Amino acid sequence: MAQPWMVLDRVHTPDGVLELRRRGERDFLITVNGLVLMNSSLHRSEVALGEVACAPLKEHPAPRVLVAGLGMGITLRAVLDALPPSAAVVVAELNPVVVDWCRGALAPLTASAVSDPRVTVEIEDVSRVIMKSAGGGERFDAVVLDLYTGPHSRSDKVMDPLYGSVAIELTRSALRPGGVFAVWGENVDAAFEKRLKGAGFAVTTDRPGRGGLRHVVYLARLPGQQEAPRGRRGGGRR
């Protein structure tokens, strides 16, 4: 007989009641209003997201990466495993209790990724972190978005704070030449991919795994220092 889920912590947030649940030693759920946001047993797309975003930075002398949100820290662990010891990783997370969970009950899942000396946590909306960087702050080599709501057909094509065309241009400005914008999504959103390409990114998508629920990973990359921006050659933007 399956063990029952135990509620380890519960907190009220603007989005509803956020809970951390556990069954056994390493089986965890994070829920909001009873809906499952994250499951510690199902994370292949989160791992793939971190790996593909940061694999090109393995030999970088001092890469700087932005990750949002924190969740169970699984994407962050994949990011850290792909980066050199000289990296700096900024984690943007809205809710400080999630950080506490990752430093506490969830820490064994990721070898305490959030406590890695390369990591700085900012309790902040990631859109604001991106805006600060784009407005003259230090830029990033990769921006990795692993949020429980990814781009979808109902995203406002212009003004969505993360996936609209205005936000994409801000993210472009927050990246260094050759920088990567990697995004987790539930399903492929062709309109989002088109907006990325229109902003000058070269885009690929992947659906990790071979069966069952397969989420999508978007990998959007800017041209390097010596390359002409994609879509700004003679033929115009694609």
C-alpha atoms as a PDB file:
ATOM      1  CA  MET A   1       0.000   0.000   0.000  1.00  0.00           C
ATOM      2  CA  ALA A   2       1.309   3.436  -0.953  1.00  0.00           C
ATOM      3  CA  GLN A   3       2.301   5.696   1.892  1.00  0.00           C
ATOM      4  CA  PRO A   4       0.157   8.801   2.465  1.00  0.00           C
ATOM      5  CA  TRP A   5       1.487  12.258   1.693  1.00  0.00           C
ATOM      6  CA  MET A   6       2.475  14.300   4.743  1.00  0.00           C
ATOM      7  CA  VAL A   7       2.305  18.113   4.715  1.00  0.00           C
ATOM      8  CA  LEU A   8       5.668  19.397   5.960  1.00  0.00           C
ATOM      9  CA  ASP A   9       4.886  23.101   5.598  1.00  0.00           C
ATOM     10  CA  ARG A  10       2.087  25.352   4.408  1.00  0.00           C
ATOM     11  CA  VAL A  11       2.167  29.068   3.594  1.00  0.00           C
ATOM     12  CA  HIS A  12      -0.354  31.527   2.165  1.00  0.00           C
ATOM     13  CA  THR A  13       0.817  33.380  -0.947  1.00  0.00           C
ATOM     14  CA  PRO A  14      -0.840  35.757  -3.442  1.00  0.00           C
ATOM     15  CA  ASP A  15      -1.354  32.726  -5.726  1.00  0.00           C
ATOM     16  CA  GLY A  16      -2.948  30.606  -2.997  1.00  0.00           C
ATOM     17  CA  VAL A  17      -1.867  28.087  -0.369  1.00  0.00           C
ATOM     18  CA  LEU A  18       1.610  26.742  -1.096  1.00  0.00           C
ATOM     19  CA  GLU A  19       2.463  23.372   0.457  1.00  0.00           C
ATOM     20  CA  LEU A  20       5.489  21.117   0.698  1.00  0.00           C
ATOM     21  CA  ARG A  21       4.513  17.445   0.991  1.00  0.00           C
ATOM     22  CA  ARG A  22       6.602  14.324   1.519  1.00  0.00           C
ATOM     23  CA  ARG A  23       6.046  10.589   1.125  1.00  0.00           C
ATOM     24  CA  GLY A  24       8.878   8.363   2.287  1.00  0.00           C
ATOM     25  CA  GLU A  25      12.421   9.708   2.294  1.00  0.00           C
ATOM     26  CA  ARG A  26      12.890  11.306  -1.147  1.00  0.00           C
ATOM     27  CA  ASP A  27       9.426  11.695  -2.662  1.00  0.00           C
ATOM     28  CA  PHE A  28       8.281  15.328  -2.475  1.00  0.00           C
ATOM     29  CA  LEU A  29       5.551  17.514  -3.939  1.00  0.00           C
ATOM     30  CA  ILE A  30       5.106  21.271  -4.029  1.00  0.00           C
ATOM     31  CA  THR A  31       1.451  22.224  -4.512  1.00  0.00           C
ATOM     32  CA  VAL A  32      -0.564  25.423  -4.736  1.00  0.00           C
ATOM     33  CA  ASN A  33      -4.239  25.217  -3.813  1.00  0.00           C
ATOM     34  CA  GLY A  34      -3.914  21.442  -4.072  1.00  0.00           C
ATOM     35  CA  LEU A  35      -2.549  21.495  -7.637  1.00  0.00           C
ATOM     36  CA  VAL A  36       0.855  19.880  -8.136  1.00  0.00           C
ATOM     37  CA  LEU A  37       3.538  22.324  -9.272  1.00  0.00           C
ATOM     38  CA  MET A  38       6.580  20.072  -8.869  1.00  0.00           C
ATOM     39  CA  ASN A  39       7.233  16.412  -8.233  1.00  0.00           C
ATOM     40  CA  SER A  40      10.683  15.239  -7.186  1.00  0.00           C
ATOM     41  CA  SER A  41      10.241  12.014  -9.193  1.00  0.00           C
ATOM     42  CA  LEU A  42       9.467  13.717 -12.526  1.00  0.00           C
ATOM     43  CA  HIS A  43      12.167  16.170 -13.484  1.00  0.00           C
ATOM     44  CA  ARG A  44      13.869  15.081 -16.708  1.00  0.00           C
ATOM     45  CA  SER A  45      12.898  18.299 -18.538  1.00  0.00           C
ATOM     46  CA  GLU A  46      14.181  20.457 -15.665  1.00  0.00           C
ATOM     47  CA  VAL A  47      17.537  18.673 -15.737  1.00  0.00           C
ATOM     48  CA  ALA A  48      17.684  18.974 -19.533  1.00  0.00           C
ATOM     49  CA  LEU A  49      16.926  22.691 -19.284  1.00  0.00           C
ATOM     50  CA  GLY A  50      19.867  23.348 -16.984  1.00  0.00           C
ATOM     51  CA  GLU A  51      22.211  21.139 -18.982  1.00  0.00           C
ATOM     52  CA  VAL A  52      21.535  22.613 -22.423  1.00  0.00           C
ATOM     53  CA  ALA A  53      21.588  26.184 -21.127  1.00  0.00           C
ATOM     54  CA  CYS A  54      24.994  25.895 -19.501  1.00  0.00           C
ATOM     55  CA  ALA A  55      26.860  23.231 -21.463  1.00  0.00           C
ATOM     56  CA  PRO A  56      28.402  25.930 -23.752  1.00  0.00           C
ATOM     57  CA  LEU A  57      29.754  27.708 -20.650  1.00  0.00           C
ATOM     58  CA  LYS A  58      31.826  24.829 -19.280  1.00  0.00           C
ATOM     59  CA  GLU A  59      35.092  26.366 -20.503  1.00  0.00           C
ATOM     60  CA  HIS A  60      34.061  29.977 -19.903  1.00  0.00           C
ATOM     61  CA  PRO A  61      36.516  31.708 -17.523  1.00  0.00           C
ATOM     62  CA  ALA A  62      33.807  33.287 -15.338  1.00  0.00           C
ATOM     63  CA  PRO A  63      30.250  32.735 -16.588  1.00  0.00           C
ATOM     64  CA  ARG A  64      27.324  34.580 -15.007  1.00  0.00           C
ATOM     65  CA  VAL A  65      23.929  32.864 -15.055  1.00  0.00           C
ATOM     66  CA  LEU A  66      20.422  33.852 -13.931  1.00  0.00           C
ATOM     67  CA  VAL A  67      18.022  31.078 -12.853  1.00  0.00           C
ATOM     68  CA  ALA A  68      14.320  31.513 -11.992  1.00  0.00           C
ATOM     69  CA  GLY A  69      12.544  30.182 -10.068  1.00  0.00           C
ATOM     70  CA  LEU A  70      14.102  27.946  -7.512  1.00  0.00           C
ATOM     71  CA  GLY A  71      11.424  25.264  -7.064  1.00  0.00           C
ATOM     72  CA  MET A  72      13.036  22.140  -5.606  1.00  0.00           C
ATOM     73  CA  GLY A  73      16.473  23.253  -6.821  1.00  0.00           C
ATOM     74  CA  ILE A  74      16.664  20.550  -9.498  1.00  0.00           C
ATOM     75  CA  THR A  75      17.286  22.914 -12.414  1.00  0.00           C
ATOM     76  CA  LEU A  76      19.764  24.849 -10.284  1.00  0.00           C
ATOM     77  CA  ARG A  77      21.651  21.602  -9.552  1.00  0.00           C
ATOM     78  CA  ALA A  78      21.860  20.820 -13.282  1.00  0.00           C
ATOM     79  CA  VAL A  79      23.099  24.365 -13.970  1.00  0.00           C
ATOM     80  CA  LEU A  80      25.792  24.120 -11.298  1.00  0.00           C
ATOM     81  CA  ASP A  81      26.949  20.712 -12.526  1.00  0.00           C
ATOM     82  CA  ALA A  82      27.462  22.156 -16.015  1.00  0.00           C
ATOM     83  CA  LEU A  83      29.411  25.243 -14.866  1.00  0.00           C
ATOM     84  CA  PRO A  84      33.024  25.743 -13.777  1.00  0.00           C
ATOM     85  CA  PRO A  85      33.988  26.622 -10.178  1.00  0.00           C
ATOM     86  CA  SER A  86      34.488  30.251 -11.257  1.00  0.00           C
ATOM     87  CA  ALA A  87      30.803  30.720 -12.187  1.00  0.00           C
ATOM     88  CA  ALA A  88      28.377  33.097 -10.498  1.00  0.00           C
ATOM     89  CA  VAL A  89      24.701  32.080 -10.401  1.00  0.00           C
ATOM     90  CA  VAL A  90      21.913  34.453  -9.410  1.00  0.00           C
ATOM     91  CA  VAL A  91      18.662  32.747  -8.386  1.00  0.00           C
ATOM     92  CA  ALA A  92      15.494  34.859  -8.543  1.00  0.00           C
ATOM     93  CA  GLU A  93      12.733  33.433  -6.325  1.00  0.00           C
ATOM     94  CA  LEU A  94       9.558  35.186  -5.236  1.00  0.00           C
ATOM     95  CA  ASN A  95       8.899  33.272  -2.035  1.00  0.00           C
ATOM     96  CA  PRO A  96      11.532  33.032   0.727  1.00  0.00           C
ATOM     97  CA  VAL A  97       9.873  29.907   2.156  1.00  0.00           C
ATOM     98  CA  VAL A  98      10.885  28.009  -0.999  1.00  0.00           C
ATOM     99  CA  VAL A  99      14.497  28.944  -0.291  1.00  0.00           C
ATOM    100  CA  ASP A 100      14.071  27.653   3.272  1.00  0.00           C
ATOM    101  CA  TRP A 101      12.661  24.347   1.948  1.00  0.00           C
ATOM    102  CA  CYS A 102      15.634  23.945  -0.419  1.00  0.00           C
ATOM    103  CA  ARG A 103      18.030  24.543   2.460  1.00  0.00           C
ATOM    104  CA  GLY A 104      16.075  22.168   4.673  1.00  0.00           C
ATOM    105  CA  ALA A 105      13.969  19.129   3.781  1.00  0.00           C
ATOM    106  CA  LEU A 106      14.718  19.322   0.034  1.00  0.00           C
ATOM    107  CA  ALA A 107      18.491  19.784   0.385  1.00  0.00           C
ATOM    108  CA  PRO A 108      19.359  16.050  -0.003  1.00  0.00           C
ATOM    109  CA  LEU A 109      17.687  15.992  -3.441  1.00  0.00           C
ATOM    110  CA  THR A 110      20.259  18.394  -4.898  1.00  0.00           C
ATOM    111  CA  ALA A 111      23.289  18.106  -2.611  1.00  0.00           C
ATOM    112  CA  SER A 112      22.259  21.477  -1.148  1.00  0.00           C
ATOM    113  CA  ALA A 113      22.490  23.294  -4.480  1.00  0.00           C
ATOM    114  CA  VAL A 114      21.093  26.542  -3.079  1.00  0.00           C
ATOM    115  CA  SER A 115      23.952  26.649  -0.535  1.00  0.00           C
ATOM    116  CA  ASP A 116      26.663  26.297  -3.205  1.00  0.00           C
ATOM    117  CA  PRO A 117      29.168  29.187  -2.809  1.00  0.00           C
ATOM    118  CA  ARG A 118      28.609  30.158  -6.446  1.00  0.00           C
ATOM    119  CA  VAL A 119      24.924  30.929  -5.746  1.00  0.00           C
ATOM    120  CA  THR A 120      23.338  34.234  -4.720  1.00  0.00           C
ATOM    121  CA  VAL A 121      19.596  34.225  -4.018  1.00  0.00           C
ATOM    122  CA  GLU A 122      17.489  37.319  -4.707  1.00  0.00           C
ATOM    123  CA  ILE A 123      13.916  37.383  -3.382  1.00  0.00           C
ATOM    124  CA  GLU A 124      12.637  39.201  -6.406  1.00  0.00           C
ATOM    125  CA  ASP A 125      10.508  38.851  -9.524  1.00  0.00           C
ATOM    126  CA  VAL A 126      12.833  37.649 -12.276  1.00  0.00           C
ATOM    127  CA  SER A 127      11.386  40.206 -14.698  1.00  0.00           C
ATOM    128  CA  ARG A 128      12.750  42.949 -12.426  1.00  0.00           C
ATOM    129  CA  VAL A 129      16.170  41.299 -12.249  1.00  0.00           C
ATOM    130  CA  ILE A 130      16.263  41.128 -16.049  1.00  0.00           C
ATOM    131  CA  MET A 131      15.127  44.750 -16.329  1.00  0.00           C
ATOM    132  CA  LYS A 132      17.899  45.935 -14.003  1.00  0.00           C
ATOM    133  CA  SER A 133      20.508  44.071 -16.021  1.00  0.00           C
ATOM    134  CA  ALA A 134      19.139  45.352 -19.325  1.00  0.00           C
ATOM    135  CA  GLY A 135      19.116  48.904 -17.929  1.00  0.00           C
ATOM    136  CA  GLY A 136      22.836  49.017 -17.342  1.00  0.00           C
ATOM    137  CA  GLY A 137      23.555  46.356 -14.746  1.00  0.00           C
ATOM    138  CA  GLU A 138      25.954  43.462 -15.155  1.00  0.00           C
ATOM    139  CA  ARG A 139      24.836  41.197 -17.979  1.00  0.00           C
ATOM    140  CA  PHE A 140      24.439  37.421 -18.038  1.00  0.00           C
ATOM    141  CA  ASP A 141      25.816  34.634 -20.201  1.00  0.00           C
ATOM    142  CA  ALA A 142      22.606  32.645 -19.708  1.00  0.00           C
ATOM    143  CA  VAL A 143      19.086  33.320 -18.467  1.00  0.00           C
ATOM    144  CA  VAL A 144      17.230  30.147 -17.464  1.00  0.00           C
ATOM    145  CA  LEU A 145      13.497  30.300 -16.759  1.00  0.00           C
ATOM    146  CA  ASP A 146      11.971  27.281 -15.023  1.00  0.00           C
ATOM    147  CA  LEU A 147       8.642  28.679 -13.851  1.00  0.00           C
ATOM    148  CA  TYR A 148       5.467  26.727 -13.226  1.00  0.00           C
ATOM    149  CA  THR A 149       3.763  28.664 -16.018  1.00  0.00           C
ATOM    150  CA  GLY A 150       5.736  28.593 -19.254  1.00  0.00           C
ATOM    151  CA  PRO A 151       4.895  30.296 -22.563  1.00  0.00           C
ATOM    152  CA  HIS A 152       1.541  29.271 -24.002  1.00  0.00           C
ATOM    153  CA  SER A 153      -1.031  30.335 -26.586  1.00  0.00           C
ATOM    154  CA  ARG A 154      -2.733  32.727 -24.145  1.00  0.00           C
ATOM    155  CA  SER A 155       0.474  34.624 -23.348  1.00  0.00           C
ATOM    156  CA  ASP A 156       0.114  38.273 -24.362  1.00  0.00           C
ATOM    157  CA  LYS A 157       2.248  38.470 -27.497  1.00  0.00           C
ATOM    158  CA  VAL A 158       3.584  41.933 -26.659  1.00  0.00           C
ATOM    159  CA  MET A 159       3.196  42.643 -22.955  1.00  0.00           C
ATOM    160  CA  ASP A 160       3.526  39.295 -21.188  1.00  0.00           C
ATOM    161  CA  PRO A 161       6.141  40.133 -18.493  1.00  0.00           C
ATOM    162  CA  LEU A 162       8.360  37.173 -19.428  1.00  0.00           C
ATOM    163  CA  TYR A 163       7.331  35.771 -22.782  1.00  0.00           C
ATOM    164  CA  GLY A 164       6.005  38.789 -24.723  1.00  0.00           C
ATOM    165  CA  SER A 165       8.041  40.614 -27.345  1.00  0.00           C
ATOM    166  CA  VAL A 166       8.900  43.525 -25.014  1.00  0.00           C
ATOM    167  CA  ALA A 167      10.214  41.129 -22.343  1.00  0.00           C
ATOM    168  CA  ILE A 168      12.184  39.146 -24.921  1.00  0.00           C
ATOM    169  CA  GLU A 169      13.929  42.327 -26.094  1.00  0.00           C
ATOM    170  CA  LEU A 170      14.780  43.148 -22.473  1.00  0.00           C
ATOM    171  CA  THR A 171      16.216  39.660 -22.000  1.00  0.00           C
ATOM    172  CA  ARG A 172      18.273  40.101 -25.146  1.00  0.00           C
ATOM    173  CA  SER A 173      19.689  43.328 -23.689  1.00  0.00           C
ATOM    174  CA  ALA A 174      20.474  41.525 -20.413  1.00  0.00           C
ATOM    175  CA  LEU A 175      22.618  38.937 -22.229  1.00  0.00           C
ATOM    176  CA  ARG A 176      26.204  39.150 -23.362  1.00  0.00           C
ATOM    177  CA  PRO A 177      27.083  38.353 -27.006  1.00  0.00           C
ATOM    178  CA  GLY A 178      26.579  34.646 -27.594  1.00  0.00           C
ATOM    179  CA  GLY A 179      24.299  34.490 -24.551  1.00  0.00           C
ATOM    180  CA  VAL A 180      21.609  31.860 -24.049  1.00  0.00           C
ATOM    181  CA  PHE A 181      17.943  32.255 -23.108  1.00  0.00           C
ATOM    182  CA  ALA A 182      16.596  28.855 -22.021  1.00  0.00           C
ATOM    183  CA  VAL A 183      12.928  28.371 -21.101  1.00  0.00           C
ATOM    184  CA  TRP A 184      10.836  25.484 -19.771  1.00  0.00           C
ATOM    185  CA  GLY A 185       7.313  25.053 -21.138  1.00  0.00           C
ATOM    186  CA  GLU A 186       4.479  22.596 -20.818  1.00  0.00           C
ATOM    187  CA  ASN A 187       3.860  22.452 -24.560  1.00  0.00           C
ATOM    188  CA  VAL A 188       5.361  23.911 -27.729  1.00  0.00           C
ATOM    189  CA  ASP A 189       4.184  27.465 -28.380  1.00  0.00           C
ATOM    190  CA  ALA A 190       4.996  28.345 -31.989  1.00  0.00           C
ATOM    191  CA  ALA A 191       4.168  32.024 -31.434  1.00  0.00           C
ATOM    192  CA  PHE A 192       6.749  32.288 -28.628  1.00  0.00           C
ATOM    193  CA  GLU A 193       9.364  30.623 -30.828  1.00  0.00           C
ATOM    194  CA  LYS A 194       8.549  33.109 -33.584  1.00  0.00           C
ATOM    195  CA  ARG A 195       8.982  36.038 -31.185  1.00  0.00           C
ATOM    196  CA  LEU A 196      12.378  34.712 -30.109  1.00  0.00           C
ATOM    197  CA  LYS A 197      13.530  34.463 -33.716  1.00  0.00           C
ATOM    198  CA  GLY A 198      12.181  37.937 -34.439  1.00  0.00           C
ATOM    199  CA  ALA A 199      14.377  39.300 -31.636  1.00  0.00           C
ATOM    200  CA  GLY A 200      17.490  37.832 -33.272  1.00  0.00           C
ATOM    201  CA  PHE A 201      17.816  34.534 -31.411  1.00  0.00           C
ATOM    202  CA  ALA A 202      18.662  31.236 -33.089  1.00  0.00           C
ATOM    203  CA  VAL A 203      16.112  28.833 -31.593  1.00  0.00           C
ATOM    204  CA  THR A 204      15.898  25.091 -31.061  1.00  0.00           C
ATOM    205  CA  THR A 205      13.344  23.098 -29.067  1.00  0.00           C
ATOM    206  CA  ASP A 206      13.519  19.699 -27.435  1.00  0.00           C
ATOM    207  CA  ARG A 207      11.047  17.429 -25.656  1.00  0.00           C
ATOM    208  CA  PRO A 208      13.237  15.292 -23.382  1.00  0.00           C
ATOM    209  CA  GLY A 209      12.334  11.681 -22.778  1.00  0.00           C
ATOM    210  CA  ARG A 210      10.671   8.889 -24.741  1.00  0.00           C
ATOM    211  CA  GLY A 211       7.167   8.573 -23.436  1.00  0.00           C
ATOM    212  CA  GLY A 212       4.715   9.810 -20.887  1.00  0.00           C
ATOM    213  CA  LEU A 213       4.407  13.505 -20.204  1.00  0.00           C
ATOM    214  CA  ARG A 214       7.081  15.320 -22.230  1.00  0.00           C
ATOM    215  CA  HIS A 215       7.538  19.011 -21.599  1.00  0.00           C
ATOM    216  CA  VAL A 216       9.448  21.334 -23.913  1.00  0.00           C
ATOM    217  CA  VAL A 217      12.801  23.073 -23.517  1.00  0.00           C
ATOM    218  CA  TYR A 218      13.470  26.171 -25.640  1.00  0.00           C
ATOM    219  CA  LEU A 219      17.092  27.072 -26.296  1.00  0.00           C
ATOM    220  CA  ALA A 220      17.514  30.536 -27.814  1.00  0.00           C
ATOM    221  CA  ARG A 221      21.041  31.780 -28.509  1.00  0.00           C
ATOM    222  CA  LEU A 222      22.400  35.158 -29.546  1.00  0.00           C
ATOM    223  CA  PRO A 223      25.181  35.599 -32.082  1.00  0.00           C
ATOM    224  CA  GLY A 224      28.706  35.870 -30.705  1.00  0.00           C
ATOM    225  CA  GLN A 225      30.839  39.014 -30.683  1.00  0.00           C
ATOM    226  CA  GLN A 226      32.019  38.638 -34.279  1.00  0.00           C
ATOM    227  CA  GLU A 227      28.761  37.380 -35.774  1.00  0.00           C
ATOM    228  CA  ALA A 228      26.157  39.558 -37.461  1.00  0.00           C
ATOM    229  CA  PRO A 229      22.887  39.466 -35.497  1.00  0.00           C
ATOM    230  CA  ARG A 230      20.560  36.791 -36.819  1.00  0.00           C
ATOM    231  CA  GLY A 231      17.739  38.238 -38.864  1.00  0.00           C
ATOM    232  CA  ARG A 232      19.527  41.552 -39.502  1.00  0.00           C
ATOM    233  CA  ARG A 233      21.264  40.556 -42.685  1.00  0.00           C
ATOM    234  CA  GLY A 234      19.999  41.519 -46.090  1.00  0.00           C
ATOM    235  CA  GLY A 235      16.830  39.440 -45.938  1.00  0.00           C
ATOM    236  CA  GLY A 236      15.458  41.096 -42.786  1.00  0.00           C
ATOM    237  CA  ARG A 237      14.158  39.297 -39.715  1.00  0.00           C
ATOM    238  CA  ARG A 238      12.645  35.882 -40.045  1.00  0.00           C
END
